[in-house]
Amino acid sequence: MRILTWSVDRILEEVEILDNNIKQYKAELYKMCWYMRGGMTLEEVYLLGPEDREIINGIVKENLKTTKKSGLPFF
């Protein structure tokens, strides 16, 4: 059995890192919902696996690029 030997400061640093990771994850999910414009609920997006999120984000980026090139409004 391994005993943790981190100091309180090191634990607090790790908590802050994990908290930031969670915030980035949530931001990614909220953006995905916004881009889907009601095509997926937040609950459905939370259930997606990493590979599916990556694929959808790729599609979004591709569509943004196409929209910019065409000059059509995106919003």
PDB file of N, CA and C in Angstrom:
ATOM      1  N   MET A   1       0.841  -1.181   0.000  1.00  0.00           N
ATOM      2  CA  MET A   1       0.000   0.000   0.000  1.00  0.00           C
ATOM      3  C   MET A   1       0.878   1.234   0.000  1.00  0.00           C
ATOM      4  N   ARG A   2       0.529   2.167  -0.850  1.00  0.00           N
ATOM      5  CA  ARG A   2       1.314   3.392  -0.974  1.00  0.00           C
ATOM      6  C   ARG A   2       0.666   4.511  -0.157  1.00  0.00           C
ATOM      7  N   ILE A   3       1.469   5.203   0.600  1.00  0.00           N
ATOM      8  CA  ILE A   3       0.973   6.304   1.427  1.00  0.00           C
ATOM      9  C   ILE A   3       1.311   7.620   0.727  1.00  0.00           C
ATOM     10  N   LEU A   4       0.322   8.494   0.633  1.00  0.00           N
ATOM     11  CA  LEU A   4       0.569   9.806   0.029  1.00  0.00           C
ATOM     12  C   LEU A   4       1.482  10.625   0.928  1.00  0.00           C
ATOM     13  N   THR A   5       2.444  11.252   0.286  1.00  0.00           N
ATOM     14  CA  THR A   5       3.386  12.061   1.054  1.00  0.00           C
ATOM     15  C   THR A   5       3.405  13.499   0.551  1.00  0.00           C
ATOM     16  N   TRP A   6       2.347  13.905  -0.136  1.00  0.00           N
ATOM     17  CA  TRP A   6       2.305  15.270  -0.627  1.00  0.00           C
ATOM     18  C   TRP A   6       2.069  16.240   0.524  1.00  0.00           C
ATOM     19  N   SER A   7       2.643  17.416   0.377  1.00  0.00           N
ATOM     20  CA  SER A   7       2.385  18.482   1.345  1.00  0.00           C
ATOM     21  C   SER A   7       1.001  19.068   1.063  1.00  0.00           C
ATOM     22  N   VAL A   8       0.515  19.826   2.005  1.00  0.00           N
ATOM     23  CA  VAL A   8      -0.784  20.485   1.831  1.00  0.00           C
ATOM     24  C   VAL A   8      -0.730  21.410   0.621  1.00  0.00           C
ATOM     25  N   ASP A   9       0.378  22.131   0.453  1.00  0.00           N
ATOM     26  CA  ASP A   9       0.518  23.034  -0.695  1.00  0.00           C
ATOM     27  C   ASP A   9       0.447  22.268  -2.013  1.00  0.00           C
ATOM     28  N   ARG A  10       1.088  21.106  -2.067  1.00  0.00           N
ATOM     29  CA  ARG A  10       1.074  20.292  -3.297  1.00  0.00           C
ATOM     30  C   ARG A  10      -0.330  19.763  -3.572  1.00  0.00           C
ATOM     31  N   ILE A  11      -1.035  19.387  -2.540  1.00  0.00           N
ATOM     32  CA  ILE A  11      -2.419  18.922  -2.695  1.00  0.00           C
ATOM     33  C   ILE A  11      -3.294  20.059  -3.227  1.00  0.00           C
ATOM     34  N   LEU A  12      -3.125  21.251  -2.674  1.00  0.00           N
ATOM     35  CA  LEU A  12      -3.908  22.401  -3.131  1.00  0.00           C
ATOM     36  C   LEU A  12      -3.589  22.752  -4.579  1.00  0.00           C
ATOM     37  N   GLU A  13      -2.339  22.611  -4.989  1.00  0.00           N
ATOM     38  CA  GLU A  13      -1.957  22.836  -6.388  1.00  0.00           C
ATOM     39  C   GLU A  13      -2.675  21.838  -7.299  1.00  0.00           C
ATOM     40  N   GLU A  14      -2.687  20.592  -6.879  1.00  0.00           N
ATOM     41  CA  GLU A  14      -3.345  19.545  -7.675  1.00  0.00           C
ATOM     42  C   GLU A  14      -4.844  19.791  -7.758  1.00  0.00           C
ATOM     43  N   VAL A  15      -5.462  20.215  -6.681  1.00  0.00           N
ATOM     44  CA  VAL A  15      -6.892  20.536  -6.680  1.00  0.00           C
ATOM     45  C   VAL A  15      -7.171  21.668  -7.664  1.00  0.00           C
ATOM     46  N   GLU A  16      -6.308  22.669  -7.683  1.00  0.00           N
ATOM     47  CA  GLU A  16      -6.484  23.795  -8.607  1.00  0.00           C
ATOM     48  C   GLU A  16      -6.352  23.324 -10.062  1.00  0.00           C
ATOM     49  N   ILE A  17      -5.394  22.452 -10.336  1.00  0.00           N
ATOM     50  CA  ILE A  17      -5.220  21.903 -11.681  1.00  0.00           C
ATOM     51  C   ILE A  17      -6.470  21.144 -12.109  1.00  0.00           C
ATOM     52  N   LEU A  18      -6.957  20.287 -11.228  1.00  0.00           N
ATOM     53  CA  LEU A  18      -8.151  19.508 -11.542  1.00  0.00           C
ATOM     54  C   LEU A  18      -9.376  20.407 -11.721  1.00  0.00           C
ATOM     55  N   ASP A  19      -9.492  21.438 -10.914  1.00  0.00           N
ATOM     56  CA  ASP A  19     -10.597  22.379 -11.034  1.00  0.00           C
ATOM     57  C   ASP A  19     -10.561  23.083 -12.388  1.00  0.00           C
ATOM     58  N   ASN A  20      -9.374  23.483 -12.824  1.00  0.00           N
ATOM     59  CA  ASN A  20      -9.235  24.127 -14.134  1.00  0.00           C
ATOM     60  C   ASN A  20      -9.588  23.152 -15.261  1.00  0.00           C
ATOM     61  N   ASN A  21      -9.190  21.901 -15.116  1.00  0.00           N
ATOM     62  CA  ASN A  21      -9.536  20.892 -16.119  1.00  0.00           C
ATOM     63  C   ASN A  21     -11.049  20.726 -16.237  1.00  0.00           C
ATOM     64  N   ILE A  22     -11.718  20.732 -15.103  1.00  0.00           N
ATOM     65  CA  ILE A  22     -13.176  20.610 -15.106  1.00  0.00           C
ATOM     66  C   ILE A  22     -13.815  21.815 -15.790  1.00  0.00           C
ATOM     67  N   LYS A  23     -13.306  23.003 -15.510  1.00  0.00           N
ATOM     68  CA  LYS A  23     -13.844  24.215 -16.135  1.00  0.00           C
ATOM     69  C   LYS A  23     -13.657  24.181 -17.650  1.00  0.00           C
ATOM     70  N   GLN A  24     -12.507  23.720 -18.114  1.00  0.00           N
ATOM     71  CA  GLN A  24     -12.261  23.608 -19.561  1.00  0.00           C
ATOM     72  C   GLN A  24     -13.199  22.588 -20.187  1.00  0.00           C
ATOM     73  N   TYR A  25     -13.393  21.477 -19.516  1.00  0.00           N
ATOM     74  CA  TYR A  25     -14.291  20.430 -19.992  1.00  0.00           C
ATOM     75  C   TYR A  25     -15.718  20.964 -20.121  1.00  0.00           C
ATOM     76  N   LYS A  26     -16.179  21.660 -19.084  1.00  0.00           N
ATOM     77  CA  LYS A  26     -17.527  22.226 -19.121  1.00  0.00           C
ATOM     78  C   LYS A  26     -17.663  23.251 -20.239  1.00  0.00           C
ATOM     79  N   ALA A  27     -16.662  24.102 -20.417  1.00  0.00           N
ATOM     80  CA  ALA A  27     -16.705  25.103 -21.478  1.00  0.00           C
ATOM     81  C   ALA A  27     -16.809  24.432 -22.846  1.00  0.00           C
ATOM     82  N   GLU A  28     -16.064  23.342 -23.038  1.00  0.00           N
ATOM     83  CA  GLU A  28     -16.121  22.594 -24.294  1.00  0.00           C
ATOM     84  C   GLU A  28     -17.531  22.055 -24.522  1.00  0.00           C
ATOM     85  N   LEU A  29     -18.138  21.517 -23.478  1.00  0.00           N
ATOM     86  CA  LEU A  29     -19.480  20.950 -23.613  1.00  0.00           C
ATOM     87  C   LEU A  29     -20.524  22.025 -23.881  1.00  0.00           C
ATOM     88  N   TYR A  30     -20.428  23.160 -23.194  1.00  0.00           N
ATOM     89  CA  TYR A  30     -21.394  24.241 -23.408  1.00  0.00           C
ATOM     90  C   TYR A  30     -21.271  24.803 -24.817  1.00  0.00           C
ATOM     91  N   LYS A  31     -20.041  24.959 -25.304  1.00  0.00           N
ATOM     92  CA  LYS A  31     -19.845  25.442 -26.672  1.00  0.00           C
ATOM     93  C   LYS A  31     -20.448  24.458 -27.666  1.00  0.00           C
ATOM     94  N   MET A  32     -20.246  23.175 -27.416  1.00  0.00           N
ATOM     95  CA  MET A  32     -20.775  22.168 -28.311  1.00  0.00           C
ATOM     96  C   MET A  32     -22.305  22.270 -28.374  1.00  0.00           C
ATOM     97  N   CYS A  33     -22.938  22.447 -27.236  1.00  0.00           N
ATOM     98  CA  CYS A  33     -24.396  22.607 -27.208  1.00  0.00           C
ATOM     99  C   CYS A  33     -24.820  23.842 -27.984  1.00  0.00           C
ATOM    100  N   TRP A  34     -24.069  24.922 -27.801  1.00  0.00           N
ATOM    101  CA  TRP A  34     -24.410  26.167 -28.506  1.00  0.00           C
ATOM    102  C   TRP A  34     -24.302  25.963 -30.005  1.00  0.00           C
ATOM    103  N   TYR A  35     -23.214  25.353 -30.466  1.00  0.00           N
ATOM    104  CA  TYR A  35     -23.034  25.122 -31.890  1.00  0.00           C
ATOM    105  C   TYR A  35     -24.091  24.186 -32.456  1.00  0.00           C
ATOM    106  N   MET A  36     -24.565  23.265 -31.661  1.00  0.00           N
ATOM    107  CA  MET A  36     -25.574  22.312 -32.126  1.00  0.00           C
ATOM    108  C   MET A  36     -26.956  22.963 -32.221  1.00  0.00           C
ATOM    109  N   ARG A  37     -27.116  24.131 -31.621  1.00  0.00           N
ATOM    110  CA  ARG A  37     -28.361  24.897 -31.703  1.00  0.00           C
ATOM    111  C   ARG A  37     -29.607  24.067 -31.383  1.00  0.00           C
ATOM    112  N   GLY A  38     -29.533  23.334 -30.291  1.00  0.00           N
ATOM    113  CA  GLY A  38     -30.680  22.535 -29.868  1.00  0.00           C
ATOM    114  C   GLY A  38     -30.667  21.121 -30.411  1.00  0.00           C
ATOM    115  N   GLY A  39     -29.674  20.790 -31.218  1.00  0.00           N
ATOM    116  CA  GLY A  39     -29.580  19.436 -31.770  1.00  0.00           C
ATOM    117  C   GLY A  39     -29.223  18.407 -30.711  1.00  0.00           C
ATOM    118  N   MET A  40     -28.594  18.866 -29.642  1.00  0.00           N
ATOM    119  CA  MET A  40     -28.254  18.005 -28.508  1.00  0.00           C
ATOM    120  C   MET A  40     -28.442  18.801 -27.228  1.00  0.00           C
ATOM    121  N   THR A  41     -28.957  18.142 -26.226  1.00  0.00           N
ATOM    122  CA  THR A  41     -29.098  18.787 -24.930  1.00  0.00           C
ATOM    123  C   THR A  41     -27.771  18.685 -24.177  1.00  0.00           C
ATOM    124  N   LEU A  42     -27.641  19.476 -23.137  1.00  0.00           N
ATOM    125  CA  LEU A  42     -26.439  19.420 -22.314  1.00  0.00           C
ATOM    126  C   LEU A  42     -26.285  18.022 -21.714  1.00  0.00           C
ATOM    127  N   GLU A  43     -27.382  17.431 -21.298  1.00  0.00           N
ATOM    128  CA  GLU A  43     -27.333  16.077 -20.734  1.00  0.00           C
ATOM    129  C   GLU A  43     -26.794  15.077 -21.759  1.00  0.00           C
ATOM    130  N   GLU A  44     -27.240  15.194 -23.004  1.00  0.00           N
ATOM    131  CA  GLU A  44     -26.762  14.295 -24.055  1.00  0.00           C
ATOM    132  C   GLU A  44     -25.275  14.508 -24.342  1.00  0.00           C
ATOM    133  N   VAL A  45     -24.850  15.756 -24.320  1.00  0.00           N
ATOM    134  CA  VAL A  45     -23.439  16.059 -24.580  1.00  0.00           C
ATOM    135  C   VAL A  45     -22.567  15.514 -23.452  1.00  0.00           C
ATOM    136  N   TYR A  46     -23.040  15.599 -22.223  1.00  0.00           N
ATOM    137  CA  TYR A  46     -22.286  15.047 -21.089  1.00  0.00           C
ATOM    138  C   TYR A  46     -22.088  13.531 -21.233  1.00  0.00           C
ATOM    139  N   LEU A  47     -22.997  12.867 -21.918  1.00  0.00           N
ATOM    140  CA  LEU A  47     -22.912  11.422 -22.073  1.00  0.00           C
ATOM    141  C   LEU A  47     -21.977  10.985 -23.207  1.00  0.00           C
ATOM    142  N   LEU A  48     -21.532  11.933 -24.034  1.00  0.00           N
ATOM    143  CA  LEU A  48     -20.636  11.595 -25.137  1.00  0.00           C
ATOM    144  C   LEU A  48     -19.268  11.187 -24.614  1.00  0.00           C
ATOM    145  N   GLY A  49     -18.656  10.263 -25.288  1.00  0.00           N
ATOM    146  CA  GLY A  49     -17.291   9.875 -24.962  1.00  0.00           C
ATOM    147  C   GLY A  49     -16.302  10.844 -25.602  1.00  0.00           C
ATOM    148  N   PRO A  50     -15.040  10.758 -25.210  1.00  0.00           N
ATOM    149  CA  PRO A  50     -14.015  11.665 -25.739  1.00  0.00           C
ATOM    150  C   PRO A  50     -13.896  11.612 -27.265  1.00  0.00           C
ATOM    151  N   GLU A  51     -13.982  10.424 -27.850  1.00  0.00           N
ATOM    152  CA  GLU A  51     -13.843  10.299 -29.305  1.00  0.00           C
ATOM    153  C   GLU A  51     -14.992  11.002 -30.027  1.00  0.00           C
ATOM    154  N   ASP A  52     -16.211  10.835 -29.524  1.00  0.00           N
ATOM    155  CA  ASP A  52     -17.364  11.491 -30.139  1.00  0.00           C
ATOM    156  C   ASP A  52     -17.270  13.012 -30.020  1.00  0.00           C
ATOM    157  N   ARG A  53     -16.836  13.490 -28.861  1.00  0.00           N
ATOM    158  CA  ARG A  53     -16.672  14.938 -28.687  1.00  0.00           C
ATOM    159  C   ARG A  53     -15.628  15.485 -29.664  1.00  0.00           C
ATOM    160  N   GLU A  54     -14.551  14.746 -29.830  1.00  0.00           N
ATOM    161  CA  GLU A  54     -13.486  15.163 -30.746  1.00  0.00           C
ATOM    162  C   GLU A  54     -14.011  15.237 -32.188  1.00  0.00           C
ATOM    163  N   ILE A  55     -14.798  14.243 -32.582  1.00  0.00           N
ATOM    164  CA  ILE A  55     -15.361  14.223 -33.936  1.00  0.00           C
ATOM    165  C   ILE A  55     -16.303  15.409 -34.130  1.00  0.00           C
ATOM    166  N   ILE A  56     -17.192  15.636 -33.179  1.00  0.00           N
ATOM    167  CA  ILE A  56     -18.142  16.755 -33.294  1.00  0.00           C
ATOM    168  C   ILE A  56     -17.396  18.084 -33.321  1.00  0.00           C
ATOM    169  N   ASN A  57     -16.391  18.255 -32.468  1.00  0.00           N
ATOM    170  CA  ASN A  57     -15.620  19.494 -32.480  1.00  0.00           C
ATOM    171  C   ASN A  57     -14.920  19.693 -33.819  1.00  0.00           C
ATOM    172  N   GLY A  58     -14.447  18.613 -34.431  1.00  0.00           N
ATOM    173  CA  GLY A  58     -13.831  18.709 -35.751  1.00  0.00           C
ATOM    174  C   GLY A  58     -14.826  19.174 -36.800  1.00  0.00           C
ATOM    175  N   ILE A  59     -16.036  18.651 -36.735  1.00  0.00           N
ATOM    176  CA  ILE A  59     -17.089  19.061 -37.668  1.00  0.00           C
ATOM    177  C   ILE A  59     -17.417  20.536 -37.474  1.00  0.00           C
ATOM    178  N   VAL A  60     -17.514  20.976 -36.237  1.00  0.00           N
ATOM    179  CA  VAL A  60     -17.803  22.376 -35.941  1.00  0.00           C
ATOM    180  C   VAL A  60     -16.709  23.267 -36.529  1.00  0.00           C
ATOM    181  N   LYS A  61     -15.446  22.925 -36.296  1.00  0.00           N
ATOM    182  CA  LYS A  61     -14.334  23.727 -36.819  1.00  0.00           C
ATOM    183  C   LYS A  61     -14.359  23.778 -38.345  1.00  0.00           C
ATOM    184  N   GLU A  62     -14.643  22.633 -38.953  1.00  0.00           N
ATOM    185  CA  GLU A  62     -14.720  22.573 -40.410  1.00  0.00           C
ATOM    186  C   GLU A  62     -15.839  23.465 -40.935  1.00  0.00           C
ATOM    187  N   ASN A  63     -16.998  23.422 -40.279  1.00  0.00           N
ATOM    188  CA  ASN A  63     -18.126  24.255 -40.695  1.00  0.00           C
ATOM    189  C   ASN A  63     -17.843  25.736 -40.474  1.00  0.00           C
ATOM    190  N   LEU A  64     -17.152  26.077 -39.391  1.00  0.00           N
ATOM    191  CA  LEU A  64     -16.786  27.478 -39.170  1.00  0.00           C
ATOM    192  C   LEU A  64     -15.865  27.972 -40.282  1.00  0.00           C
ATOM    193  N   LYS A  65     -14.903  27.143 -40.648  1.00  0.00           N
ATOM    194  CA  LYS A  65     -13.965  27.504 -41.712  1.00  0.00           C
ATOM    195  C   LYS A  65     -14.705  27.711 -43.034  1.00  0.00           C
ATOM    196  N   THR A  66     -15.615  26.804 -43.347  1.00  0.00           N
ATOM    197  CA  THR A  66     -16.401  26.900 -44.573  1.00  0.00           C
ATOM    198  C   THR A  66     -17.254  28.156 -44.573  1.00  0.00           C
ATOM    199  N   THR A  67     -17.862  28.455 -43.433  1.00  0.00           N
ATOM    200  CA  THR A  67     -18.711  29.635 -43.315  1.00  0.00           C
ATOM    201  C   THR A  67     -17.895  30.909 -43.513  1.00  0.00           C
ATOM    202  N   LYS A  68     -16.708  30.965 -42.935  1.00  0.00           N
ATOM    203  CA  LYS A  68     -15.852  32.149 -43.099  1.00  0.00           C
ATOM    204  C   LYS A  68     -15.449  32.327 -44.560  1.00  0.00           C
ATOM    205  N   LYS A  69     -15.094  31.235 -45.228  1.00  0.00           N
ATOM    206  CA  LYS A  69     -14.693  31.305 -46.639  1.00  0.00           C
ATOM    207  C   LYS A  69     -15.848  31.760 -47.529  1.00  0.00           C
ATOM    208  N   SER A  70     -17.046  31.298 -47.216  1.00  0.00           N
ATOM    209  CA  SER A  70     -18.213  31.620 -48.058  1.00  0.00           C
ATOM    210  C   SER A  70     -18.758  33.014 -47.804  1.00  0.00           C
ATOM    211  N   GLY A  71     -18.428  33.571 -46.637  1.00  0.00           N
ATOM    212  CA  GLY A  71     -18.941  34.889 -46.286  1.00  0.00           C
ATOM    213  C   GLY A  71     -20.375  34.874 -45.773  1.00  0.00           C
ATOM    214  N   LEU A  72     -20.926  33.692 -45.612  1.00  0.00           N
ATOM    215  CA  LEU A  72     -22.297  33.592 -45.093  1.00  0.00           C
ATOM    216  C   LEU A  72     -22.298  33.847 -43.592  1.00  0.00           C
ATOM    217  N   PRO A  73     -23.393  34.409 -43.078  1.00  0.00           N
ATOM    218  CA  PRO A  73     -23.456  34.632 -41.617  1.00  0.00           C
ATOM    219  C   PRO A  73     -23.521  33.314 -40.856  1.00  0.00           C
ATOM    220  N   PHE A  74     -22.804  33.255 -39.777  1.00  0.00           N
ATOM    221  CA  PHE A  74     -22.802  32.053 -38.953  1.00  0.00           C
ATOM    222  C   PHE A  74     -23.763  32.168 -37.781  1.00  0.00           C
ATOM    223  N   PHE A  75     -23.949  33.381 -37.297  1.00  0.00           N
ATOM    224  CA  PHE A  75     -24.742  33.572 -36.086  1.00  0.00           C
ATOM    225  C   PHE A  75     -26.152  33.938 -36.386  1.00  0.00           C
TER     226      PHE A  75
END
